[in-house]
């Protein structure tokens, strides 16, 4: 009889992700997120960064995620930027910015970045690492630079058996 285990060479685990956040930021926890942090602000939109890691099949395309962001933004009366490429910590990300009006904070602006970590095991698929930085309200333009600086510190390390 054989024993199968996760993670293992047959069933590779998720990549690990690390971010550096400035002093004053705090961890944030929400279902479906792998890692999140925010800069708490009383009575105002809290700039935040969220990381999710999702297993996906071999046929998955990052363009599918970009289309989801575009659909979300336009359904809320907003827009998305043209896709752009970013090399962050040696990992190739593809991203787009999305913005839409919000009745509570006037405007929400998101920076969305996607990186596909392929498995070395044939037909296993990959893991999609998604970074989302969000800002809102009257400070959105100034806070965008703050979340962008946090997002650029990301380090993605593929899982390995070692």
N, C-alpha and C. Protein backbone atom coordinates (compact mmCIF):
# COMPACT_ATOMS: atom_id res chain seq x y z
N UNK A 1 0.84 -1.17 0.00
CA UNK A 1 0.00 0.00 0.00
C UNK A 1 0.89 1.24 0.00
N UNK A 2 0.48 2.26 -0.74
CA UNK A 2 1.23 3.52 -0.81
C UNK A 2 0.53 4.59 0.00
N UNK A 3 1.31 5.54 0.46
CA UNK A 3 0.76 6.69 1.16
C UNK A 3 0.91 7.91 0.27
N UNK A 4 -0.17 8.62 0.07
CA UNK A 4 -0.14 9.87 -0.66
C UNK A 4 -0.24 11.00 0.36
N UNK A 5 0.47 12.10 0.09
CA UNK A 5 0.47 13.21 1.04
C UNK A 5 0.46 14.54 0.31
N UNK A 6 -0.02 15.54 1.01
CA UNK A 6 0.02 16.91 0.50
C UNK A 6 0.65 17.78 1.58
N UNK A 7 1.59 18.64 1.25
CA UNK A 7 2.26 18.72 -0.05
C UNK A 7 3.32 17.64 -0.17
N UNK A 8 3.60 17.30 -1.41
CA UNK A 8 4.61 16.28 -1.72
C UNK A 8 5.02 16.46 -3.18
N UNK A 9 5.97 15.66 -3.63
CA UNK A 9 6.39 15.73 -5.03
C UNK A 9 5.23 15.42 -5.97
N UNK A 10 4.32 14.54 -5.54
CA UNK A 10 3.16 14.21 -6.37
C UNK A 10 2.07 15.27 -6.31
N UNK A 11 1.98 15.97 -5.18
CA UNK A 11 0.96 16.99 -4.96
C UNK A 11 1.62 18.26 -4.40
N UNK A 12 2.23 19.04 -5.31
CA UNK A 12 2.98 20.21 -4.85
C UNK A 12 2.10 21.21 -4.10
N UNK A 13 2.70 21.86 -3.12
CA UNK A 13 1.99 22.84 -2.31
C UNK A 13 1.96 24.22 -2.96
N UNK A 14 1.29 25.12 -2.28
CA UNK A 14 1.20 26.50 -2.75
C UNK A 14 2.56 27.19 -2.64
N UNK A 15 2.76 28.20 -3.47
CA UNK A 15 3.96 29.01 -3.28
C UNK A 15 3.82 29.82 -1.99
N UNK A 16 4.93 30.32 -1.48
CA UNK A 16 4.87 31.22 -0.33
C UNK A 16 5.00 32.65 -0.85
N UNK A 17 4.43 33.58 -0.10
CA UNK A 17 4.43 34.98 -0.49
C UNK A 17 4.81 35.82 0.71
N UNK A 18 5.65 36.83 0.50
CA UNK A 18 6.02 37.76 1.56
C UNK A 18 5.88 39.19 1.04
N UNK A 19 5.45 40.09 1.91
CA UNK A 19 5.34 41.52 1.62
C UNK A 19 5.97 42.30 2.75
N UNK A 20 6.55 43.43 2.43
CA UNK A 20 7.02 44.35 3.47
C UNK A 20 6.03 45.49 3.56
N UNK A 21 5.57 45.77 4.77
CA UNK A 21 4.62 46.87 4.98
C UNK A 21 5.26 47.91 5.89
N UNK A 22 4.92 49.18 5.67
CA UNK A 22 5.49 50.24 6.50
C UNK A 22 5.00 50.15 7.95
N UNK A 23 5.70 50.83 8.84
CA UNK A 23 5.26 50.93 10.23
C UNK A 23 3.85 51.50 10.27
N UNK A 24 3.05 51.01 11.18
CA UNK A 24 1.68 51.47 11.33
C UNK A 24 0.66 50.60 10.63
N UNK A 25 1.11 49.78 9.68
CA UNK A 25 0.20 48.85 9.01
C UNK A 25 -0.05 47.68 9.96
N UNK A 26 -1.22 47.05 9.80
CA UNK A 26 -1.55 45.91 10.65
C UNK A 26 -2.06 44.75 9.79
N UNK A 27 -1.85 43.52 10.27
CA UNK A 27 -2.40 42.37 9.55
C UNK A 27 -3.93 42.46 9.52
N UNK A 28 -4.50 41.99 8.44
CA UNK A 28 -5.96 41.94 8.32
C UNK A 28 -6.33 40.52 7.91
N UNK A 29 -7.43 40.02 8.44
CA UNK A 29 -7.85 38.65 8.16
C UNK A 29 -9.26 38.66 7.58
N UNK A 30 -9.43 37.92 6.50
CA UNK A 30 -10.74 37.79 5.88
C UNK A 30 -10.80 36.44 5.18
N UNK A 31 -11.96 35.81 5.17
CA UNK A 31 -12.09 34.53 4.47
C UNK A 31 -11.67 34.67 3.01
N UNK A 32 -10.96 33.67 2.52
CA UNK A 32 -10.55 33.66 1.12
C UNK A 32 -9.25 34.38 0.84
N UNK A 33 -8.69 35.05 1.84
CA UNK A 33 -7.41 35.72 1.62
C UNK A 33 -6.29 34.88 2.21
N UNK A 34 -5.14 34.97 1.58
CA UNK A 34 -3.96 34.28 2.07
C UNK A 34 -3.21 35.16 3.05
N UNK A 35 -3.13 36.43 2.71
CA UNK A 35 -2.40 37.39 3.52
C UNK A 35 -3.00 38.77 3.22
N UNK A 36 -3.13 39.61 4.21
CA UNK A 36 -3.65 40.96 3.97
C UNK A 36 -3.11 41.90 5.04
N UNK A 37 -3.00 43.17 4.67
CA UNK A 37 -2.56 44.20 5.61
C UNK A 37 -3.26 45.50 5.25
N UNK A 38 -3.40 46.37 6.26
CA UNK A 38 -4.04 47.65 6.00
C UNK A 38 -3.43 48.71 6.90
N UNK A 39 -3.59 49.95 6.47
CA UNK A 39 -3.19 51.10 7.27
C UNK A 39 -4.47 51.63 7.90
N UNK A 40 -4.66 51.38 9.21
CA UNK A 40 -5.93 51.77 9.82
C UNK A 40 -6.10 53.29 9.82
N UNK A 41 -7.32 53.71 9.50
CA UNK A 41 -7.69 55.12 9.54
C UNK A 41 -9.09 55.22 10.09
N UNK A 42 -9.25 56.02 11.11
CA UNK A 42 -10.57 56.18 11.70
C UNK A 42 -11.42 57.08 10.83
N UNK A 43 -12.60 56.60 10.46
CA UNK A 43 -13.54 57.39 9.69
C UNK A 43 -13.16 57.61 8.24
N UNK A 44 -12.19 56.88 7.74
CA UNK A 44 -11.77 57.05 6.34
C UNK A 44 -11.42 55.68 5.77
N UNK A 45 -11.35 55.60 4.44
CA UNK A 45 -10.99 54.37 3.76
C UNK A 45 -9.57 53.97 4.17
N UNK A 46 -9.37 52.75 4.58
CA UNK A 46 -8.06 52.24 4.99
C UNK A 46 -7.35 51.64 3.78
N UNK A 47 -6.24 52.25 3.33
CA UNK A 47 -5.48 51.62 2.24
C UNK A 47 -5.13 50.20 2.65
N UNK A 48 -5.24 49.27 1.71
CA UNK A 48 -5.00 47.87 2.05
C UNK A 48 -4.41 47.11 0.89
N UNK A 49 -3.76 46.01 1.22
CA UNK A 49 -3.18 45.09 0.24
C UNK A 49 -3.63 43.69 0.62
N UNK A 50 -4.11 42.94 -0.38
CA UNK A 50 -4.60 41.58 -0.17
C UNK A 50 -3.87 40.64 -1.12
N UNK A 51 -3.48 39.49 -0.61
CA UNK A 51 -2.86 38.44 -1.43
C UNK A 51 -3.76 37.22 -1.37
N UNK A 52 -4.06 36.67 -2.54
CA UNK A 52 -4.76 35.38 -2.60
C UNK A 52 -3.94 34.43 -3.47
N UNK A 53 -4.03 33.16 -3.15
CA UNK A 53 -3.39 32.12 -3.95
C UNK A 53 -4.46 31.10 -4.28
N UNK A 54 -4.60 30.82 -5.55
CA UNK A 54 -5.67 29.93 -6.00
C UNK A 54 -5.10 28.87 -6.94
N UNK A 55 -5.46 27.62 -6.70
CA UNK A 55 -5.07 26.55 -7.62
C UNK A 55 -5.89 26.68 -8.90
N UNK A 56 -5.26 26.45 -10.04
CA UNK A 56 -5.98 26.52 -11.31
C UNK A 56 -5.49 25.42 -12.24
N UNK A 57 -6.32 25.07 -13.18
CA UNK A 57 -6.02 23.99 -14.11
C UNK A 57 -4.99 24.38 -15.16
N UNK A 58 -4.51 23.40 -15.90
CA UNK A 58 -3.47 23.65 -16.90
C UNK A 58 -3.93 24.59 -18.02
N UNK A 59 -5.24 24.70 -18.24
CA UNK A 59 -5.76 25.55 -19.32
C UNK A 59 -5.97 27.00 -18.90
N UNK A 60 -5.73 27.31 -17.62
CA UNK A 60 -5.98 28.66 -17.11
C UNK A 60 -5.07 29.69 -17.79
N UNK A 61 -5.64 30.88 -18.06
CA UNK A 61 -4.89 32.01 -18.63
C UNK A 61 -5.03 33.22 -17.71
N UNK A 62 -3.96 33.95 -17.49
CA UNK A 62 -4.01 35.16 -16.66
C UNK A 62 -5.00 36.16 -17.27
N UNK A 63 -5.15 36.15 -18.57
CA UNK A 63 -6.11 37.05 -19.24
C UNK A 63 -7.53 36.86 -18.69
N UNK A 64 -7.84 35.64 -18.24
CA UNK A 64 -9.16 35.39 -17.64
C UNK A 64 -9.36 36.26 -16.39
N UNK A 65 -8.31 36.39 -15.59
CA UNK A 65 -8.39 37.22 -14.38
C UNK A 65 -8.51 38.70 -14.73
N UNK A 66 -7.78 39.13 -15.74
CA UNK A 66 -7.88 40.53 -16.18
C UNK A 66 -9.30 40.83 -16.66
N UNK A 67 -9.90 39.87 -17.37
CA UNK A 67 -11.28 40.05 -17.85
C UNK A 67 -12.26 40.11 -16.68
N UNK A 68 -12.01 39.34 -15.62
CA UNK A 68 -12.87 39.38 -14.43
C UNK A 68 -12.81 40.75 -13.77
N UNK A 69 -11.62 41.33 -13.67
CA UNK A 69 -11.47 42.65 -13.08
C UNK A 69 -12.21 43.69 -13.93
N UNK A 70 -12.06 43.60 -15.24
CA UNK A 70 -12.74 44.54 -16.14
C UNK A 70 -14.25 44.42 -15.99
N UNK A 71 -14.75 43.21 -15.90
CA UNK A 71 -16.18 42.99 -15.74
C UNK A 71 -16.69 43.57 -14.43
N UNK A 72 -15.94 43.34 -13.35
CA UNK A 72 -16.32 43.88 -12.04
C UNK A 72 -16.38 45.41 -12.08
N UNK A 73 -15.33 46.03 -12.60
CA UNK A 73 -15.28 47.50 -12.62
C UNK A 73 -16.39 48.09 -13.47
N UNK A 74 -16.60 47.53 -14.66
CA UNK A 74 -17.64 48.10 -15.52
C UNK A 74 -19.04 47.85 -14.96
N UNK A 75 -19.24 46.74 -14.26
CA UNK A 75 -20.55 46.49 -13.66
C UNK A 75 -20.86 47.50 -12.55
N UNK A 76 -19.83 48.12 -12.01
CA UNK A 76 -19.99 49.14 -10.97
C UNK A 76 -19.89 50.56 -11.54
N UNK A 77 -19.90 50.67 -12.86
CA UNK A 77 -19.83 51.98 -13.49
C UNK A 77 -18.43 52.55 -13.60
N UNK A 78 -17.43 51.67 -13.54
CA UNK A 78 -16.04 52.12 -13.55
C UNK A 78 -15.30 51.73 -14.81
N UNK A 79 -13.98 51.85 -14.72
CA UNK A 79 -13.11 51.57 -15.86
C UNK A 79 -11.88 50.79 -15.40
N UNK A 80 -11.15 50.25 -16.38
CA UNK A 80 -9.88 49.59 -16.10
C UNK A 80 -8.82 50.15 -17.04
N UNK A 81 -7.58 50.10 -16.58
CA UNK A 81 -6.46 50.53 -17.40
C UNK A 81 -6.12 49.43 -18.41
N UNK A 82 -5.26 49.77 -19.34
CA UNK A 82 -4.68 48.75 -20.21
C UNK A 82 -3.82 47.83 -19.35
N UNK A 83 -3.73 46.55 -19.69
CA UNK A 83 -2.85 45.65 -18.93
C UNK A 83 -1.40 46.12 -19.01
N UNK A 84 -0.66 45.85 -17.95
CA UNK A 84 0.76 46.20 -17.92
C UNK A 84 1.54 45.05 -17.29
N UNK A 85 2.83 45.00 -17.56
CA UNK A 85 3.71 43.97 -17.02
C UNK A 85 4.55 44.57 -15.91
N UNK A 86 4.87 43.76 -14.90
CA UNK A 86 5.72 44.20 -13.80
C UNK A 86 6.57 43.02 -13.34
N UNK A 87 7.87 43.25 -13.22
CA UNK A 87 8.78 42.25 -12.67
C UNK A 87 8.96 42.59 -11.21
N UNK A 88 8.41 41.77 -10.33
CA UNK A 88 8.45 42.02 -8.90
C UNK A 88 9.19 40.88 -8.21
N UNK A 89 10.36 41.17 -7.68
CA UNK A 89 11.13 40.15 -6.99
C UNK A 89 11.51 39.00 -7.88
N UNK A 90 11.68 39.25 -9.16
CA UNK A 90 12.04 38.20 -10.11
C UNK A 90 10.86 37.41 -10.64
N UNK A 91 9.66 37.78 -10.27
CA UNK A 91 8.45 37.10 -10.77
C UNK A 91 7.73 38.01 -11.76
N UNK A 92 7.31 37.45 -12.88
CA UNK A 92 6.62 38.21 -13.92
C UNK A 92 5.13 38.32 -13.59
N UNK A 93 4.69 39.52 -13.30
CA UNK A 93 3.28 39.80 -13.02
C UNK A 93 2.66 40.53 -14.20
N UNK A 94 1.36 40.36 -14.37
CA UNK A 94 0.57 41.13 -15.31
C UNK A 94 -0.50 41.81 -14.48
N UNK A 95 -0.75 43.08 -14.77
CA UNK A 95 -1.71 43.79 -13.94
C UNK A 95 -2.58 44.76 -14.69
N UNK A 96 -3.55 45.30 -13.96
CA UNK A 96 -4.38 46.39 -14.46
C UNK A 96 -4.92 47.13 -13.24
N UNK A 97 -5.19 48.41 -13.44
CA UNK A 97 -5.82 49.21 -12.39
C UNK A 97 -7.30 49.32 -12.71
N UNK A 98 -8.10 49.32 -11.67
CA UNK A 98 -9.55 49.45 -11.84
C UNK A 98 -10.05 50.54 -10.91
N UNK A 99 -11.01 51.29 -11.36
CA UNK A 99 -11.60 52.33 -10.53
C UNK A 99 -13.09 52.37 -10.77
N UNK A 100 -13.84 52.70 -9.72
CA UNK A 100 -15.29 52.83 -9.85
C UNK A 100 -15.80 53.77 -8.77
N UNK A 101 -16.96 54.38 -9.02
CA UNK A 101 -17.56 55.25 -8.01
C UNK A 101 -18.10 54.42 -6.85
N UNK A 102 -18.09 55.03 -5.66
CA UNK A 102 -18.59 54.36 -4.46
C UNK A 102 -19.36 55.37 -3.64
N UNK A 103 -20.56 55.02 -3.20
CA UNK A 103 -21.41 55.96 -2.48
C UNK A 103 -20.84 56.35 -1.11
N UNK A 104 -20.02 55.48 -0.50
CA UNK A 104 -19.48 55.78 0.82
C UNK A 104 -18.18 56.59 0.76
N UNK A 105 -17.32 56.31 -0.20
CA UNK A 105 -15.99 56.94 -0.22
C UNK A 105 -15.70 57.69 -1.52
N UNK A 106 -16.70 57.94 -2.34
CA UNK A 106 -16.58 58.63 -3.63
C UNK A 106 -16.00 57.73 -4.72
N UNK A 107 -14.74 57.32 -4.55
CA UNK A 107 -14.07 56.53 -5.58
C UNK A 107 -13.24 55.44 -4.93
N UNK A 108 -13.23 54.26 -5.55
CA UNK A 108 -12.33 53.18 -5.15
C UNK A 108 -11.36 52.96 -6.31
N UNK A 109 -10.10 52.82 -5.99
CA UNK A 109 -9.05 52.54 -6.98
C UNK A 109 -8.31 51.30 -6.52
N UNK A 110 -8.20 50.32 -7.43
CA UNK A 110 -7.49 49.08 -7.13
C UNK A 110 -6.35 48.88 -8.10
N UNK A 111 -5.22 48.43 -7.58
CA UNK A 111 -4.12 47.93 -8.40
C UNK A 111 -4.19 46.41 -8.28
N UNK A 112 -4.31 45.72 -9.41
CA UNK A 112 -4.44 44.26 -9.43
C UNK A 112 -3.27 43.66 -10.20
N UNK A 113 -2.58 42.72 -9.60
CA UNK A 113 -1.44 42.07 -10.22
C UNK A 113 -1.58 40.56 -10.12
N UNK A 114 -1.20 39.85 -11.19
CA UNK A 114 -1.37 38.40 -11.26
C UNK A 114 -0.07 37.74 -11.69
N UNK A 115 0.27 36.65 -11.02
CA UNK A 115 1.46 35.86 -11.38
C UNK A 115 1.08 34.39 -11.32
N UNK A 116 1.41 33.67 -12.37
CA UNK A 116 1.09 32.25 -12.45
C UNK A 116 2.33 31.43 -12.11
N UNK A 117 2.24 30.61 -11.05
CA UNK A 117 3.34 29.75 -10.63
C UNK A 117 3.02 28.35 -11.12
N UNK A 118 3.73 27.92 -12.15
CA UNK A 118 3.48 26.61 -12.74
C UNK A 118 4.08 25.49 -11.91
N UNK A 119 3.45 24.34 -11.98
CA UNK A 119 3.93 23.16 -11.28
C UNK A 119 4.91 22.41 -12.18
N UNK A 120 5.85 21.72 -11.56
CA UNK A 120 6.76 20.89 -12.33
C UNK A 120 6.16 19.51 -12.61
N UNK A 121 5.02 19.24 -12.01
CA UNK A 121 4.34 17.96 -12.21
C UNK A 121 3.40 18.11 -13.41
N UNK A 122 3.57 17.28 -14.45
CA UNK A 122 2.72 17.41 -15.64
C UNK A 122 1.23 17.29 -15.30
N UNK A 123 0.42 18.09 -15.96
CA UNK A 123 -1.04 18.07 -15.85
C UNK A 123 -1.58 18.47 -14.48
N UNK A 124 -0.73 18.99 -13.59
CA UNK A 124 -1.21 19.40 -12.27
C UNK A 124 -1.80 20.80 -12.32
N UNK A 125 -1.36 21.62 -13.23
CA UNK A 125 -1.86 22.98 -13.29
C UNK A 125 -0.88 23.93 -12.64
N UNK A 126 -1.41 24.95 -12.00
CA UNK A 126 -0.57 26.00 -11.45
C UNK A 126 -1.29 26.65 -10.27
N UNK A 127 -0.62 27.63 -9.69
CA UNK A 127 -1.22 28.46 -8.65
C UNK A 127 -1.18 29.90 -9.13
N UNK A 128 -2.32 30.57 -9.03
CA UNK A 128 -2.40 31.98 -9.39
C UNK A 128 -2.22 32.81 -8.12
N UNK A 129 -1.21 33.66 -8.13
CA UNK A 129 -0.98 34.59 -7.03
C UNK A 129 -1.57 35.93 -7.47
N UNK A 130 -2.54 36.43 -6.71
CA UNK A 130 -3.15 37.71 -7.02
C UNK A 130 -2.84 38.70 -5.90
N UNK A 131 -2.34 39.86 -6.29
CA UNK A 131 -2.11 40.96 -5.37
C UNK A 131 -3.12 42.04 -5.70
N UNK A 132 -3.79 42.55 -4.69
CA UNK A 132 -4.73 43.64 -4.90
C UNK A 132 -4.47 44.70 -3.84
N UNK A 133 -4.16 45.90 -4.30
CA UNK A 133 -4.01 47.04 -3.41
C UNK A 133 -5.20 47.95 -3.65
N UNK A 134 -5.85 48.42 -2.59
CA UNK A 134 -7.04 49.25 -2.76
C UNK A 134 -6.92 50.52 -1.93
N UNK A 135 -7.37 51.60 -2.54
CA UNK A 135 -7.45 52.90 -1.89
C UNK A 135 -8.79 53.52 -2.23
N UNK A 136 -9.19 54.52 -1.47
CA UNK A 136 -10.47 55.15 -1.76
C UNK A 136 -10.60 56.50 -1.09
N UNK A 137 -11.61 57.23 -1.51
CA UNK A 137 -11.90 58.53 -0.92
C UNK A 137 -10.99 59.63 -1.41
N UNK A 138 -11.00 60.75 -0.73
CA UNK A 138 -10.25 61.92 -1.18
C UNK A 138 -8.73 61.71 -1.19
N UNK A 139 -8.25 60.74 -0.42
CA UNK A 139 -6.80 60.47 -0.37
C UNK A 139 -6.37 59.41 -1.38
N UNK A 140 -7.26 58.95 -2.24
CA UNK A 140 -6.98 57.82 -3.13
C UNK A 140 -5.75 58.05 -4.00
N UNK A 141 -5.61 59.20 -4.59
CA UNK A 141 -4.47 59.43 -5.49
C UNK A 141 -3.16 59.38 -4.71
N UNK A 142 -3.10 60.05 -3.56
CA UNK A 142 -1.88 60.02 -2.75
C UNK A 142 -1.62 58.62 -2.19
N UNK A 143 -2.67 57.92 -1.77
CA UNK A 143 -2.51 56.59 -1.20
C UNK A 143 -2.15 55.53 -2.24
N UNK A 144 -2.45 55.81 -3.50
CA UNK A 144 -2.10 54.84 -4.55
C UNK A 144 -0.59 54.59 -4.55
N UNK A 145 0.20 55.63 -4.40
CA UNK A 145 1.65 55.46 -4.37
C UNK A 145 2.06 54.61 -3.17
N UNK A 146 1.38 54.76 -2.05
CA UNK A 146 1.67 53.98 -0.85
C UNK A 146 1.44 52.49 -1.09
N UNK A 147 0.28 52.14 -1.65
CA UNK A 147 0.02 50.70 -1.90
C UNK A 147 0.94 50.16 -2.99
N UNK A 148 1.26 51.00 -3.97
CA UNK A 148 2.17 50.56 -5.04
C UNK A 148 3.53 50.20 -4.44
N UNK A 149 4.00 51.01 -3.50
CA UNK A 149 5.29 50.72 -2.85
C UNK A 149 5.23 49.40 -2.09
N UNK A 150 4.12 49.11 -1.42
CA UNK A 150 3.98 47.84 -0.71
C UNK A 150 3.96 46.68 -1.71
N UNK A 151 3.17 46.82 -2.78
CA UNK A 151 3.07 45.74 -3.76
C UNK A 151 4.42 45.41 -4.40
N UNK A 152 5.28 46.40 -4.59
CA UNK A 152 6.57 46.14 -5.24
C UNK A 152 7.53 45.36 -4.35
N UNK A 153 7.20 45.17 -3.07
CA UNK A 153 8.08 44.40 -2.18
C UNK A 153 7.78 42.91 -2.21
N UNK A 154 6.79 42.49 -2.97
CA UNK A 154 6.36 41.09 -2.95
C UNK A 154 7.49 40.15 -3.36
N UNK A 155 7.53 39.03 -2.67
CA UNK A 155 8.46 37.95 -3.01
C UNK A 155 7.64 36.66 -3.04
N UNK A 156 7.65 36.02 -4.21
CA UNK A 156 6.93 34.76 -4.40
C UNK A 156 7.96 33.65 -4.53
N UNK A 157 7.81 32.63 -3.70
CA UNK A 157 8.71 31.48 -3.75
C UNK A 157 7.91 30.23 -4.05
N UNK A 158 8.16 29.60 -5.21
CA UNK A 158 7.43 28.36 -5.52
C UNK A 158 7.70 27.31 -4.45
N UNK A 159 6.69 26.47 -4.20
CA UNK A 159 6.85 25.38 -3.24
C UNK A 159 7.90 24.42 -3.78
N UNK A 160 8.69 23.89 -2.88
CA UNK A 160 9.63 22.83 -3.27
C UNK A 160 9.68 21.82 -2.15
N UNK A 161 10.02 20.63 -2.52
CA UNK A 161 10.06 19.52 -1.55
C UNK A 161 11.21 19.66 -0.57
N UNK A 162 12.20 20.44 -0.94
CA UNK A 162 13.40 20.56 -0.10
C UNK A 162 13.13 21.27 1.15
